[in-house]
């Protein structure tokens, strides 16, 4: 299948209409305009994460009129090929990003244990300990790299939280943005039972 890409949604599309079932093609009959009108997608899962309003991740095919930018595209036709609820994938990714910057701060043991296990019984205690750790000087030095990731792992994962973890961690030179991007993409491919696709 040609022209495969990725698209996140919530329980509905952005305009409030239902997410179409697998195999149903949406057709936009007017002239498309990227960021304004048409059906959007990204060729890489990590890029799609940037624009996600929710945790439903779809592998889509696109056709018809097409416009592209570096990290997203828009088309007059889009068909869902396969979908998953990416909540656990996003939680695990966010937690692993927080753990990747562990050397930058004195991580409370309950936070580390939660990030490793994602045991829901530890979530509230982990969040409280992470919040209390803001008083430590080492935490201040690493806060941009870890706060969003720890929050994402300690609270319900969403696109914004996972993306904020990756974006904020990129500020710190010890965090490898490209490695995180590749890691996220590979997790998605595996979740969909695919080899690396779409560039």
Foldseek 3Di string as FASTA:
>chain_A
DPAKFKAAEACDHPVRHGDDDAPDKAFADDDADPPPDADKGFLFPLLNLVVHPWQKMFIKHADADKDDDDGMIGHRMIGTHDIDRCQVVLLLLLLVQLVLCCVQFPQPPLLVVCSVPVPLVSLVVNVVSLVVRVVDPSCVVCVLQHVLSSVCNSDGHTSVSSSSNLVSNVVDPSDDSVVSRVVSRVSVCVVVVHDDDRD
